[in-house]
């Protein structure tokens, strides 16, 4: 009986933690969306340019890896 109670409390704790994390994520998403909507056009443009710069930086290593994979596939043929 003690094992059942321990398992039940553990399950409730885990589910509560997951649910709470989901609520926090949802709240952060809503706040970010509100902040973007209320931002001036200049701020929006700046944010988009910053995001673009991050994506461009991430692109080079991915293209290199893709080239390596394609070269390996070609070598196997």
C-alpha atoms as a PDB file:
ATOM      1  CA  UNK A   1       0.000   0.000   0.000  1.00  0.00           C
ATOM      2  CA  UNK A   2       2.879   2.357   0.769  1.00  0.00           C
ATOM      3  CA  UNK A   3       4.329   1.777  -2.716  1.00  0.00           C
ATOM      4  CA  UNK A   4       1.000   2.683  -4.315  1.00  0.00           C
ATOM      5  CA  UNK A   5       0.826   5.968  -2.386  1.00  0.00           C
ATOM      6  CA  UNK A   6       4.438   6.766  -3.246  1.00  0.00           C
ATOM      7  CA  UNK A   7       3.779   6.086  -6.922  1.00  0.00           C
ATOM      8  CA  UNK A   8       0.597   8.160  -6.860  1.00  0.00           C
ATOM      9  CA  UNK A   9       2.347  11.139  -5.264  1.00  0.00           C
ATOM     10  CA  UNK A  10       5.219  10.854  -7.733  1.00  0.00           C
ATOM     11  CA  UNK A  11       2.787  10.741 -10.662  1.00  0.00           C
ATOM     12  CA  UNK A  12       0.878  13.786  -9.418  1.00  0.00           C
ATOM     13  CA  UNK A  13       4.138  15.677  -8.906  1.00  0.00           C
ATOM     14  CA  UNK A  14       5.415  14.824 -12.387  1.00  0.00           C
ATOM     15  CA  UNK A  15       2.128  15.709 -14.086  1.00  0.00           C
ATOM     16  CA  UNK A  16       1.966  18.974 -12.138  1.00  0.00           C
ATOM     17  CA  UNK A  17       5.501  19.899 -13.145  1.00  0.00           C
ATOM     18  CA  UNK A  18       4.820  19.185 -16.810  1.00  0.00           C
ATOM     19  CA  UNK A  19       1.518  21.088 -16.729  1.00  0.00           C
ATOM     20  CA  UNK A  20       3.139  24.052 -14.984  1.00  0.00           C
ATOM     21  CA  UNK A  21       5.968  24.142 -17.515  1.00  0.00           C
ATOM     22  CA  UNK A  22       3.409  24.117 -20.316  1.00  0.00           C
ATOM     23  CA  UNK A  23       1.515  27.014 -18.757  1.00  0.00           C
ATOM     24  CA  UNK A  24       4.714  29.011 -18.343  1.00  0.00           C
ATOM     25  CA  UNK A  25       5.703  28.390 -21.955  1.00  0.00           C
ATOM     26  CA  UNK A  26       2.260  29.427 -23.148  1.00  0.00           C
ATOM     27  CA  UNK A  27       2.383  32.590 -21.034  1.00  0.00           C
ATOM     28  CA  UNK A  28       5.845  33.482 -22.345  1.00  0.00           C
ATOM     29  CA  UNK A  29       4.619  32.954 -25.917  1.00  0.00           C
ATOM     30  CA  UNK A  30       1.657  35.281 -25.350  1.00  0.00           C
ATOM     31  CA  UNK A  31       3.900  37.943 -23.797  1.00  0.00           C
ATOM     32  CA  UNK A  32       6.357  37.728 -26.695  1.00  0.00           C
ATOM     33  CA  UNK A  33       3.525  37.941 -29.229  1.00  0.00           C
ATOM     34  CA  UNK A  34       2.072  40.977 -27.436  1.00  0.00           C
ATOM     35  CA  UNK A  35       5.493  42.629 -27.314  1.00  0.00           C
ATOM     36  CA  UNK A  36       5.967  42.106 -31.050  1.00  0.00           C
ATOM     37  CA  UNK A  37       2.514  43.414 -31.915  1.00  0.00           C
ATOM     38  CA  UNK A  38       3.007  46.530 -29.785  1.00  0.00           C
ATOM     39  CA  UNK A  39       6.503  47.204 -31.158  1.00  0.00           C
ATOM     40  CA  UNK A  40       7.130  50.055 -33.544  1.00  0.00           C
ATOM     41  CA  UNK A  41       7.873  49.224 -37.189  1.00  0.00           C
ATOM     42  CA  UNK A  42      11.531  50.115 -36.626  1.00  0.00           C
ATOM     43  CA  UNK A  43      11.748  47.691 -33.705  1.00  0.00           C
ATOM     44  CA  UNK A  44      10.061  44.968 -35.740  1.00  0.00           C
ATOM     45  CA  UNK A  45      12.481  45.485 -38.610  1.00  0.00           C
ATOM     46  CA  UNK A  46      15.442  45.405 -36.214  1.00  0.00           C
ATOM     47  CA  UNK A  47      14.172  42.184 -34.605  1.00  0.00           C
ATOM     48  CA  UNK A  48      13.656  40.569 -38.005  1.00  0.00           C
ATOM     49  CA  UNK A  49      17.133  41.605 -39.131  1.00  0.00           C
ATOM     50  CA  UNK A  50      18.622  40.152 -35.942  1.00  0.00           C
ATOM     51  CA  UNK A  51      16.738  36.895 -36.489  1.00  0.00           C
ATOM     52  CA  UNK A  52      17.888  36.792 -40.110  1.00  0.00           C
ATOM     53  CA  UNK A  53      21.517  37.238 -39.014  1.00  0.00           C
ATOM     54  CA  UNK A  54      21.183  34.290 -36.631  1.00  0.00           C
ATOM     55  CA  UNK A  55      19.658  32.122 -39.348  1.00  0.00           C
ATOM     56  CA  UNK A  56      22.372  33.059 -41.842  1.00  0.00           C
ATOM     57  CA  UNK A  57      25.059  32.125 -39.277  1.00  0.00           C
ATOM     58  CA  UNK A  58      23.361  28.764 -38.710  1.00  0.00           C
ATOM     59  CA  UNK A  59      23.071  28.138 -42.443  1.00  0.00           C
ATOM     60  CA  UNK A  60      26.792  27.800 -43.253  1.00  0.00           C
ATOM     61  CA  UNK A  61      27.495  24.773 -41.015  1.00  0.00           C
ATOM     62  CA  UNK A  62      24.311  23.084 -42.218  1.00  0.00           C
ATOM     63  CA  UNK A  63      25.253  23.597 -45.862  1.00  0.00           C
ATOM     64  CA  UNK A  64      28.728  22.206 -45.145  1.00  0.00           C
ATOM     65  CA  UNK A  65      27.253  19.106 -43.521  1.00  0.00           C
ATOM     66  CA  UNK A  66      24.824  18.680 -46.402  1.00  0.00           C
ATOM     67  CA  UNK A  67      27.720  18.878 -48.861  1.00  0.00           C
ATOM     68  CA  UNK A  68      29.601  16.224 -46.903  1.00  0.00           C
ATOM     69  CA  UNK A  69      26.571  13.927 -46.903  1.00  0.00           C
ATOM     70  CA  UNK A  70      26.058  14.407 -50.640  1.00  0.00           C
ATOM     71  CA  UNK A  71      29.752  13.679 -51.262  1.00  0.00           C
ATOM     72  CA  UNK A  72      29.532  10.463 -49.220  1.00  0.00           C
ATOM     73  CA  UNK A  73      26.424   9.380 -51.125  1.00  0.00           C
ATOM     74  CA  UNK A  74      28.128  10.105 -54.435  1.00  0.00           C
ATOM     75  CA  UNK A  75      31.232   8.171 -53.331  1.00  0.00           C
ATOM     76  CA  UNK A  76      29.108   5.138 -52.445  1.00  0.00           C
ATOM     77  CA  UNK A  77      27.476   5.030 -55.879  1.00  0.00           C
END
